[in-house]
Amino acid sequence: MKKAAQVITGVVKGIGYALEGYLGAFREDRHFRINLFLSLTGTLLSAALLEGSLAVIVALSNYMVLVVELINTAVERAVDTATSEFKRSAKLAKDASAAAVLSIGLFALALDLKFLLPEILKRLTC
C-alpha cells in the first residue's frame, strides 16, 4: 500500500511540474501565448464543427502547434541558460526549434483553410 501511495504522490508532483511549465511559458513567452490562443481556437472549432476522423486530424494538427511551441520554449530557455555569449550552434538550435513550430503551424493552417474555414463560412451564411 505504501508503494502505491508513493507512485500516486510522484504522479501528482509530475503533473504539478507540467502545470508550472504551462504557466511559466504563458507568463514569459509572447509567442507561446499567441500560439496557445490559435491552437486552442483551431482545436475547439475542429472538434465542434467537423465530424469523424477529419475532426480528429484537424484538431490534432492544431493541438500539435501548442506542443511544439512548448518544446521550442524549453529549447530556447535551455540554450539561454547554457550560454550568454553568441555561439553559432546555439543560434542553430534556437532557429531549428522555431522552424519546427513554423512547420507544424503552416501545416495546421493549411488544414484549417481547407476543411475548417469552409465549414465556418457555411454556418455563418445560413
Protein backbone atom coordinates (compact mmCIF):
# COMPACT_ATOMS: atom_id res chain seq x y z
CA MET A 1 0.00 0.00 0.00
CA LYS A 2 2.89 2.36 0.78
CA LYS A 3 4.34 1.78 -2.70
CA ALA A 4 1.03 2.78 -4.37
CA ALA A 5 0.93 5.98 -2.31
CA GLN A 6 4.47 6.84 -3.41
CA VAL A 7 3.52 6.26 -7.05
CA ILE A 8 0.45 8.47 -6.73
CA THR A 9 2.49 11.17 -4.98
CA GLY A 10 5.07 11.03 -7.77
CA VAL A 11 2.39 11.32 -10.45
CA VAL A 12 0.77 14.28 -8.71
CA LYS A 13 4.16 16.02 -8.37
CA GLY A 14 4.86 15.36 -12.06
CA ILE A 15 1.53 16.91 -13.05
CA GLY A 16 2.37 19.90 -10.86
CA TYR A 17 5.69 20.38 -12.65
CA ALA A 18 3.93 20.17 -16.02
CA LEU A 19 1.41 22.82 -14.94
CA GLU A 20 4.30 25.02 -13.80
CA GLY A 21 5.72 24.59 -17.30
CA TYR A 22 2.48 25.77 -18.88
CA LEU A 23 2.23 28.76 -16.54
CA GLY A 24 5.89 29.70 -16.94
CA ALA A 25 5.67 29.56 -20.72
CA PHE A 26 2.46 31.59 -20.61
CA ARG A 27 4.00 34.26 -18.38
CA GLU A 28 7.35 34.58 -20.11
CA ASP A 29 6.83 33.84 -23.80
CA ARG A 30 4.67 36.03 -26.02
CA HIS A 31 4.84 33.52 -28.87
CA PHE A 32 3.55 30.82 -26.55
CA ARG A 33 0.54 32.97 -25.67
CA ILE A 34 -0.19 33.67 -29.34
CA ASN A 35 0.15 30.02 -30.31
CA LEU A 36 -1.91 28.94 -27.29
CA PHE A 37 -4.80 31.11 -28.46
CA LEU A 38 -4.55 29.99 -32.09
CA SER A 39 -4.01 26.34 -31.23
CA LEU A 40 -6.88 26.08 -28.77
CA THR A 41 -9.20 28.00 -31.09
CA GLY A 42 -8.42 25.69 -34.01
CA THR A 43 -8.65 22.59 -31.84
CA LEU A 44 -12.01 23.53 -30.32
CA LEU A 45 -13.51 24.69 -33.62
CA SER A 46 -12.38 21.50 -35.33
CA ALA A 47 -13.90 19.35 -32.62
CA ALA A 48 -17.14 21.35 -32.69
CA LEU A 49 -17.65 21.83 -36.44
CA LEU A 50 -16.06 18.85 -38.17
CA GLU A 51 -17.00 15.19 -37.92
CA GLY A 52 -15.31 11.84 -37.58
CA SER A 53 -11.68 11.26 -38.34
CA LEU A 54 -11.41 14.61 -40.15
CA ALA A 55 -12.28 16.40 -36.90
CA VAL A 56 -9.62 14.41 -35.06
CA ILE A 57 -6.92 15.04 -37.66
CA VAL A 58 -7.56 18.79 -37.92
CA ALA A 59 -7.92 19.19 -34.15
CA LEU A 60 -4.74 17.20 -33.54
CA SER A 61 -2.76 19.26 -36.05
CA ASN A 62 -3.86 22.44 -34.26
CA TYR A 63 -3.07 20.99 -30.85
CA MET A 64 0.40 19.92 -32.04
CA VAL A 65 1.25 23.58 -32.62
CA LEU A 66 0.93 24.10 -28.87
CA VAL A 67 3.00 21.01 -28.07
CA VAL A 68 5.80 22.01 -30.45
CA GLU A 69 5.71 25.58 -29.11
CA LEU A 70 6.26 24.22 -25.59
CA ILE A 71 9.27 22.28 -26.85
CA ASN A 72 10.53 25.41 -28.62
CA THR A 73 10.18 27.41 -25.40
CA ALA A 74 12.13 24.75 -23.50
CA VAL A 75 14.91 24.69 -26.11
CA GLU A 76 15.20 28.47 -26.11
CA ARG A 77 15.40 28.67 -22.32
CA ALA A 78 17.92 25.83 -22.14
CA VAL A 79 20.15 27.50 -24.74
CA ASP A 80 19.87 30.86 -22.99
CA THR A 81 20.83 29.18 -19.71
CA ALA A 82 23.76 27.32 -21.25
CA THR A 83 25.47 30.33 -22.76
CA SER A 84 25.30 34.10 -22.62
CA GLU A 85 27.71 34.64 -25.49
CA PHE A 86 26.93 34.19 -29.16
CA LYS A 87 27.57 30.68 -30.43
CA ARG A 88 26.62 29.55 -33.89
CA SER A 89 25.45 26.17 -32.58
CA ALA A 90 23.20 27.86 -30.01
CA LYS A 91 21.67 30.02 -32.73
CA LEU A 92 21.09 26.96 -34.90
CA ALA A 93 19.38 25.12 -32.03
CA LYS A 94 17.02 28.04 -31.42
CA ASP A 95 16.37 28.62 -35.13
CA ALA A 96 15.69 24.93 -35.79
CA SER A 97 13.32 24.82 -32.84
CA ALA A 98 11.45 27.84 -34.17
CA ALA A 99 11.36 26.24 -37.63
CA ALA A 100 9.62 23.22 -36.13
CA VAL A 101 6.88 25.50 -34.77
CA LEU A 102 6.58 27.24 -38.13
CA SER A 103 6.37 23.91 -39.97
CA ILE A 104 3.55 22.46 -37.88
CA GLY A 105 1.85 25.86 -37.78
CA LEU A 106 1.78 26.08 -41.58
CA PHE A 107 0.50 22.50 -41.80
CA ALA A 108 -2.29 23.24 -39.30
CA LEU A 109 -3.15 26.46 -41.16
CA ALA A 110 -3.38 24.59 -44.46
CA LEU A 111 -5.77 22.05 -42.93
CA ASP A 112 -7.80 24.82 -41.29
CA LEU A 113 -8.13 26.69 -44.59
CA LYS A 114 -9.04 23.53 -46.50
CA PHE A 115 -11.52 21.98 -44.06
CA LEU A 116 -12.41 24.31 -41.21
CA LEU A 117 -12.84 27.65 -42.96
CA PRO A 118 -15.47 26.37 -45.44
CA GLU A 119 -17.44 24.90 -42.54
CA ILE A 120 -17.29 28.19 -40.62
CA LEU A 121 -18.37 30.18 -43.70
CA LYS A 122 -21.20 27.74 -44.39
CA ARG A 123 -22.54 28.16 -40.87
CA LEU A 124 -22.19 31.94 -40.97
CA THR A 125 -24.14 32.26 -44.23
CA CYS A 126 -27.04 30.01 -43.19
